């Protein structure tokens, strides 16, 4: 049985969802987790190699880097609502400032240095607390362990999803093939009966 174009497209999209997206999400070992108080402010320094001093840098938001939405961008110090970005070319540091933090600001963010080929990016996960705490602080190492556990859980889940979808598609094609075969047999019988009646 030949694989149709639609089935090939389905498996291509499925492969993208199961294998490509997780590879382009944050690596728990490189993930910087920051907590900040609701209503407070946040200052995030992102270091980069001095050879990229003239490159464009930006701060974007979203769980997947390639799909993130740009919030603030250089070359000049720019402010976008409650968020601003500054680039210290001599020190090789991007400084992102977010003010008047809200609950909905909690998300994954990315410090990005644009360059030919693949950009350089660093993941920053922001957690906003309702209670007043120190303005900013990095989460202890246990957070990294929690993220690793979540990653392992996702790795197992994506295989379960993948196998379930493959079995579902295979079952659907088997049923379709059987129905097609049954229709052929039915048409053959009808033609036979017509010829017999004509005789």
C-alpha atoms as a PDB file:
ATOM      1  CA  UNK A   1       0.000   0.000   0.000  1.00  0.00           C
ATOM      2  CA  UNK A   2       1.529   3.352  -1.026  1.00  0.00           C
ATOM      3  CA  UNK A   3       1.854   6.237   1.418  1.00  0.00           C
ATOM      4  CA  UNK A   4      -0.222   9.189   0.261  1.00  0.00           C
ATOM      5  CA  UNK A   5       1.012  12.779   0.257  1.00  0.00           C
ATOM      6  CA  UNK A   6      -1.340  13.745   3.076  1.00  0.00           C
ATOM      7  CA  UNK A   7      -0.044  10.886   5.220  1.00  0.00           C
ATOM      8  CA  UNK A   8       3.546  11.949   4.530  1.00  0.00           C
ATOM      9  CA  UNK A   9       2.664  15.511   5.565  1.00  0.00           C
ATOM     10  CA  UNK A  10       1.031  14.208   8.726  1.00  0.00           C
ATOM     11  CA  UNK A  11       4.135  12.262   9.741  1.00  0.00           C
ATOM     12  CA  UNK A  12       6.332  15.272   8.926  1.00  0.00           C
ATOM     13  CA  UNK A  13       4.263  17.517  11.196  1.00  0.00           C
ATOM     14  CA  UNK A  14       4.200  14.819  13.860  1.00  0.00           C
ATOM     15  CA  UNK A  15       7.985  14.492  13.715  1.00  0.00           C
ATOM     16  CA  UNK A  16       8.303  18.273  14.114  1.00  0.00           C
ATOM     17  CA  UNK A  17       6.033  18.277  17.169  1.00  0.00           C
ATOM     18  CA  UNK A  18       7.552  15.247  18.894  1.00  0.00           C
ATOM     19  CA  UNK A  19      11.242  15.682  18.160  1.00  0.00           C
ATOM     20  CA  UNK A  20      12.075  19.169  16.859  1.00  0.00           C
ATOM     21  CA  UNK A  21      10.207  21.397  19.315  1.00  0.00           C
ATOM     22  CA  UNK A  22      11.606  19.802  22.484  1.00  0.00           C
ATOM     23  CA  UNK A  23      15.133  20.216  21.096  1.00  0.00           C
ATOM     24  CA  UNK A  24      14.481  23.963  20.631  1.00  0.00           C
ATOM     25  CA  UNK A  25      12.990  24.551  24.051  1.00  0.00           C
ATOM     26  CA  UNK A  26      15.030  25.431  27.122  1.00  0.00           C
ATOM     27  CA  UNK A  27      17.721  23.043  28.319  1.00  0.00           C
ATOM     28  CA  UNK A  28      17.296  22.592  32.112  1.00  0.00           C
ATOM     29  CA  UNK A  29      21.085  22.712  32.615  1.00  0.00           C
ATOM     30  CA  UNK A  30      21.332  26.108  30.870  1.00  0.00           C
ATOM     31  CA  UNK A  31      18.049  27.535  32.115  1.00  0.00           C
ATOM     32  CA  UNK A  32      18.341  30.565  34.372  1.00  0.00           C
ATOM     33  CA  UNK A  33      15.343  30.762  36.705  1.00  0.00           C
ATOM     34  CA  UNK A  34      14.563  34.101  38.341  1.00  0.00           C
ATOM     35  CA  UNK A  35      11.864  34.945  40.847  1.00  0.00           C
ATOM     36  CA  UNK A  36      10.490  38.429  41.423  1.00  0.00           C
ATOM     37  CA  UNK A  37       7.714  40.019  43.464  1.00  0.00           C
ATOM     38  CA  UNK A  38       4.370  41.049  41.998  1.00  0.00           C
ATOM     39  CA  UNK A  39       4.463  44.813  41.387  1.00  0.00           C
ATOM     40  CA  UNK A  40       8.252  44.888  41.652  1.00  0.00           C
ATOM     41  CA  UNK A  41      10.982  45.199  39.055  1.00  0.00           C
ATOM     42  CA  UNK A  42      13.453  42.858  37.433  1.00  0.00           C
ATOM     43  CA  UNK A  43      16.954  43.418  36.060  1.00  0.00           C
ATOM     44  CA  UNK A  44      18.477  40.636  33.953  1.00  0.00           C
ATOM     45  CA  UNK A  45      22.112  40.849  32.765  1.00  0.00           C
ATOM     46  CA  UNK A  46      23.031  38.680  29.779  1.00  0.00           C
ATOM     47  CA  UNK A  47      26.718  38.377  28.892  1.00  0.00           C
ATOM     48  CA  UNK A  48      28.000  37.846  25.355  1.00  0.00           C
ATOM     49  CA  UNK A  49      31.346  37.567  23.553  1.00  0.00           C
ATOM     50  CA  UNK A  50      32.805  40.973  22.737  1.00  0.00           C
ATOM     51  CA  UNK A  51      33.168  39.987  19.062  1.00  0.00           C
ATOM     52  CA  UNK A  52      29.372  40.430  18.789  1.00  0.00           C
ATOM     53  CA  UNK A  53      29.385  43.980  20.180  1.00  0.00           C
ATOM     54  CA  UNK A  54      27.915  45.408  16.969  1.00  0.00           C
ATOM     55  CA  UNK A  55      25.290  42.693  16.554  1.00  0.00           C
ATOM     56  CA  UNK A  56      21.609  43.311  17.220  1.00  0.00           C
ATOM     57  CA  UNK A  57      20.398  42.014  20.574  1.00  0.00           C
ATOM     58  CA  UNK A  58      16.852  41.491  21.722  1.00  0.00           C
ATOM     59  CA  UNK A  59      14.679  40.192  24.540  1.00  0.00           C
ATOM     60  CA  UNK A  60      11.833  37.959  23.478  1.00  0.00           C
ATOM     61  CA  UNK A  61       9.097  35.933  25.141  1.00  0.00           C
ATOM     62  CA  UNK A  62       7.718  32.442  24.554  1.00  0.00           C
ATOM     63  CA  UNK A  63       8.365  28.789  25.482  1.00  0.00           C
ATOM     64  CA  UNK A  64      10.085  28.032  22.154  1.00  0.00           C
ATOM     65  CA  UNK A  65      12.952  30.308  21.056  1.00  0.00           C
ATOM     66  CA  UNK A  66      12.184  30.157  17.315  1.00  0.00           C
ATOM     67  CA  UNK A  67       8.563  31.167  18.006  1.00  0.00           C
ATOM     68  CA  UNK A  68       9.203  33.810  20.669  1.00  0.00           C
ATOM     69  CA  UNK A  69       7.801  37.354  20.434  1.00  0.00           C
ATOM     70  CA  UNK A  70      10.302  40.232  20.556  1.00  0.00           C
ATOM     71  CA  UNK A  71       9.665  42.562  23.518  1.00  0.00           C
ATOM     72  CA  UNK A  72      12.663  44.906  23.325  1.00  0.00           C
ATOM     73  CA  UNK A  73      15.495  45.303  20.833  1.00  0.00           C
ATOM     74  CA  UNK A  74      18.795  47.170  20.363  1.00  0.00           C
ATOM     75  CA  UNK A  75      20.895  48.850  18.756  1.00  0.00           C
ATOM     76  CA  UNK A  76      19.959  51.776  20.996  1.00  0.00           C
ATOM     77  CA  UNK A  77      18.599  51.613  24.499  1.00  0.00           C
ATOM     78  CA  UNK A  78      14.912  51.137  23.842  1.00  0.00           C
ATOM     79  CA  UNK A  79      11.890  50.988  26.061  1.00  0.00           C
ATOM     80  CA  UNK A  80       8.747  49.100  25.154  1.00  0.00           C
ATOM     81  CA  UNK A  81       6.049  49.703  27.732  1.00  0.00           C
ATOM     82  CA  UNK A  82       7.312  48.276  31.026  1.00  0.00           C
ATOM     83  CA  UNK A  83      10.389  46.678  29.462  1.00  0.00           C
ATOM     84  CA  UNK A  84      13.673  48.201  28.321  1.00  0.00           C
ATOM     85  CA  UNK A  85      16.980  46.865  26.999  1.00  0.00           C
ATOM     86  CA  UNK A  86      20.476  48.386  27.108  1.00  0.00           C
ATOM     87  CA  UNK A  87      23.651  47.120  25.463  1.00  0.00           C
ATOM     88  CA  UNK A  88      27.024  47.806  27.101  1.00  0.00           C
ATOM     89  CA  UNK A  89      29.319  47.085  24.164  1.00  0.00           C
ATOM     90  CA  UNK A  90      32.513  47.585  26.166  1.00  0.00           C
ATOM     91  CA  UNK A  91      31.562  45.102  28.883  1.00  0.00           C
ATOM     92  CA  UNK A  92      29.688  42.748  26.554  1.00  0.00           C
ATOM     93  CA  UNK A  93      26.502  42.789  28.621  1.00  0.00           C
ATOM     94  CA  UNK A  94      22.850  43.186  27.678  1.00  0.00           C
ATOM     95  CA  UNK A  95      20.767  44.548  30.553  1.00  0.00           C
ATOM     96  CA  UNK A  96      17.025  43.967  30.449  1.00  0.00           C
ATOM     97  CA  UNK A  97      14.758  45.806  32.885  1.00  0.00           C
ATOM     98  CA  UNK A  98      11.095  44.961  33.516  1.00  0.00           C
ATOM     99  CA  UNK A  99       9.007  47.095  35.853  1.00  0.00           C
ATOM    100  CA  UNK A 100       5.584  46.893  37.541  1.00  0.00           C
ATOM    101  CA  UNK A 101       5.576  43.112  37.199  1.00  0.00           C
ATOM    102  CA  UNK A 102       2.221  41.375  36.812  1.00  0.00           C
ATOM    103  CA  UNK A 103       1.204  37.761  37.232  1.00  0.00           C
ATOM    104  CA  UNK A 104       0.852  37.322  33.494  1.00  0.00           C
ATOM    105  CA  UNK A 105       4.494  38.350  33.041  1.00  0.00           C
ATOM    106  CA  UNK A 106       5.552  34.938  34.357  1.00  0.00           C
ATOM    107  CA  UNK A 107       6.868  33.075  31.315  1.00  0.00           C
ATOM    108  CA  UNK A 108       9.963  31.944  29.438  1.00  0.00           C
ATOM    109  CA  UNK A 109      12.155  34.726  28.049  1.00  0.00           C
ATOM    110  CA  UNK A 110      15.249  34.732  25.837  1.00  0.00           C
ATOM    111  CA  UNK A 111      18.337  36.948  25.659  1.00  0.00           C
ATOM    112  CA  UNK A 112      19.319  36.801  21.988  1.00  0.00           C
ATOM    113  CA  UNK A 113      22.392  37.928  20.058  1.00  0.00           C
ATOM    114  CA  UNK A 114      21.683  37.986  16.321  1.00  0.00           C
ATOM    115  CA  UNK A 115      24.455  36.725  14.038  1.00  0.00           C
ATOM    116  CA  UNK A 116      24.814  35.088  10.602  1.00  0.00           C
ATOM    117  CA  UNK A 117      23.716  31.469  10.752  1.00  0.00           C
ATOM    118  CA  UNK A 118      22.325  30.484  14.116  1.00  0.00           C
ATOM    119  CA  UNK A 119      21.702  33.163  16.740  1.00  0.00           C
ATOM    120  CA  UNK A 120      23.096  32.913  20.264  1.00  0.00           C
ATOM    121  CA  UNK A 121      20.407  32.756  22.940  1.00  0.00           C
ATOM    122  CA  UNK A 122      20.039  32.225  26.681  1.00  0.00           C
ATOM    123  CA  UNK A 123      16.831  31.038  28.350  1.00  0.00           C
ATOM    124  CA  UNK A 124      15.435  32.888  31.371  1.00  0.00           C
ATOM    125  CA  UNK A 125      12.380  31.634  33.203  1.00  0.00           C
ATOM    126  CA  UNK A 126      10.537  34.292  35.202  1.00  0.00           C
ATOM    127  CA  UNK A 127       8.417  33.357  38.208  1.00  0.00           C
ATOM    128  CA  UNK A 128       6.243  36.132  39.695  1.00  0.00           C
ATOM    129  CA  UNK A 129       5.227  35.772  43.336  1.00  0.00           C
ATOM    130  CA  UNK A 130       2.212  37.379  44.925  1.00  0.00           C
ATOM    131  CA  UNK A 131       3.979  37.960  48.225  1.00  0.00           C
ATOM    132  CA  UNK A 132       6.718  40.507  48.661  1.00  0.00           C
ATOM    133  CA  UNK A 133      10.177  38.944  48.527  1.00  0.00           C
ATOM    134  CA  UNK A 134      13.673  40.111  47.657  1.00  0.00           C
ATOM    135  CA  UNK A 135      13.519  42.006  44.324  1.00  0.00           C
ATOM    136  CA  UNK A 136      15.258  39.259  42.383  1.00  0.00           C
ATOM    137  CA  UNK A 137      16.982  36.040  43.255  1.00  0.00           C
ATOM    138  CA  UNK A 138      17.976  32.917  41.426  1.00  0.00           C
ATOM    139  CA  UNK A 139      16.154  29.750  42.349  1.00  0.00           C
ATOM    140  CA  UNK A 140      18.282  27.141  44.207  1.00  0.00           C
ATOM    141  CA  UNK A 141      19.675  24.090  42.447  1.00  0.00           C
ATOM    142  CA  UNK A 142      16.578  22.084  43.342  1.00  0.00           C
ATOM    143  CA  UNK A 143      14.720  24.012  40.638  1.00  0.00           C
ATOM    144  CA  UNK A 144      17.071  22.599  38.022  1.00  0.00           C
ATOM    145  CA  UNK A 145      16.312  19.117  39.318  1.00  0.00           C
ATOM    146  CA  UNK A 146      12.596  19.826  39.027  1.00  0.00           C
ATOM    147  CA  UNK A 147      13.067  20.978  35.438  1.00  0.00           C
ATOM    148  CA  UNK A 148      15.046  17.815  34.670  1.00  0.00           C
ATOM    149  CA  UNK A 149      12.207  15.700  36.077  1.00  0.00           C
ATOM    150  CA  UNK A 150       9.749  17.587  33.859  1.00  0.00           C
ATOM    151  CA  UNK A 151      11.981  16.998  30.847  1.00  0.00           C
ATOM    152  CA  UNK A 152      12.187  13.257  31.558  1.00  0.00           C
ATOM    153  CA  UNK A 153       8.407  13.172  31.959  1.00  0.00           C
ATOM    154  CA  UNK A 154       7.958  14.946  28.605  1.00  0.00           C
ATOM    155  CA  UNK A 155      10.389  12.589  26.885  1.00  0.00           C
ATOM    156  CA  UNK A 156       8.337   9.595  28.033  1.00  0.00           C
ATOM    157  CA  UNK A 157       5.049  11.307  27.186  1.00  0.00           C
ATOM    158  CA  UNK A 158       6.088  12.284  23.668  1.00  0.00           C
ATOM    159  CA  UNK A 159       6.941   8.663  22.858  1.00  0.00           C
ATOM    160  CA  UNK A 160       3.546   7.565  24.168  1.00  0.00           C
ATOM    161  CA  UNK A 161       1.849  10.255  22.057  1.00  0.00           C
ATOM    162  CA  UNK A 162       3.924   9.331  19.007  1.00  0.00           C
ATOM    163  CA  UNK A 163       3.185   5.600  19.254  1.00  0.00           C
ATOM    164  CA  UNK A 164      -0.505   6.239  19.934  1.00  0.00           C
ATOM    165  CA  UNK A 165      -0.813   8.453  16.860  1.00  0.00           C
ATOM    166  CA  UNK A 166       1.113   6.010  14.677  1.00  0.00           C
ATOM    167  CA  UNK A 167      -1.132   3.137  15.795  1.00  0.00           C
ATOM    168  CA  UNK A 168      -4.227   5.281  15.237  1.00  0.00           C
ATOM    169  CA  UNK A 169      -3.143   6.204  11.700  1.00  0.00           C
ATOM    170  CA  UNK A 170      -2.209   2.600  10.929  1.00  0.00           C
ATOM    171  CA  UNK A 171      -5.566   1.361  12.232  1.00  0.00           C
ATOM    172  CA  UNK A 172      -7.425   3.987  10.191  1.00  0.00           C
ATOM    173  CA  UNK A 173      -5.601   2.941   7.005  1.00  0.00           C
ATOM    174  CA  UNK A 174      -6.259  -0.755   7.670  1.00  0.00           C
ATOM    175  CA  UNK A 175      -9.964  -0.035   8.150  1.00  0.00           C
ATOM    176  CA  UNK A 176     -10.011   2.100   4.983  1.00  0.00           C
ATOM    177  CA  UNK A 177      -8.223  -0.662   3.045  1.00  0.00           C
ATOM    178  CA  UNK A 178     -10.701  -3.287   4.271  1.00  0.00           C
ATOM    179  CA  UNK A 179     -13.661  -1.087   3.360  1.00  0.00           C
ATOM    180  CA  UNK A 180     -12.208  -0.525  -0.085  1.00  0.00           C
ATOM    181  CA  UNK A 181     -11.684  -4.277  -0.523  1.00  0.00           C
ATOM    182  CA  UNK A 182     -15.235  -4.951   0.671  1.00  0.00           C
ATOM    183  CA  UNK A 183     -16.626  -2.441  -1.854  1.00  0.00           C
ATOM    184  CA  UNK A 184     -14.708  -4.131  -4.665  1.00  0.00           C
ATOM    185  CA  UNK A 185     -16.093  -7.530  -3.657  1.00  0.00           C
ATOM    186  CA  UNK A 186     -19.605  -6.085  -3.451  1.00  0.00           C
ATOM    187  CA  UNK A 187     -19.302  -4.496  -6.911  1.00  0.00           C
ATOM    188  CA  UNK A 188     -17.930  -7.742  -8.307  1.00  0.00           C
ATOM    189  CA  UNK A 189     -20.886  -9.659  -6.865  1.00  0.00           C
ATOM    190  CA  UNK A 190     -23.347  -7.122  -8.234  1.00  0.00           C
ATOM    191  CA  UNK A 191     -21.810  -7.402 -11.702  1.00  0.00           C
ATOM    192  CA  UNK A 192     -21.922 -11.202 -11.471  1.00  0.00           C
ATOM    193  CA  UNK A 193     -25.602 -11.165 -10.466  1.00  0.00           C
ATOM    194  CA  UNK A 194     -26.434  -8.778 -13.311  1.00  0.00           C
ATOM    195  CA  UNK A 195     -24.741 -11.027 -15.848  1.00  0.00           C
ATOM    196  CA  UNK A 196     -26.441 -14.062 -14.385  1.00  0.00           C
ATOM    197  CA  UNK A 197     -29.871 -12.404 -14.556  1.00  0.00           C
ATOM    198  CA  UNK A 198     -29.246 -11.374 -18.143  1.00  0.00           C
ATOM    199  CA  UNK A 199     -28.505 -14.977 -19.046  1.00  0.00           C
END
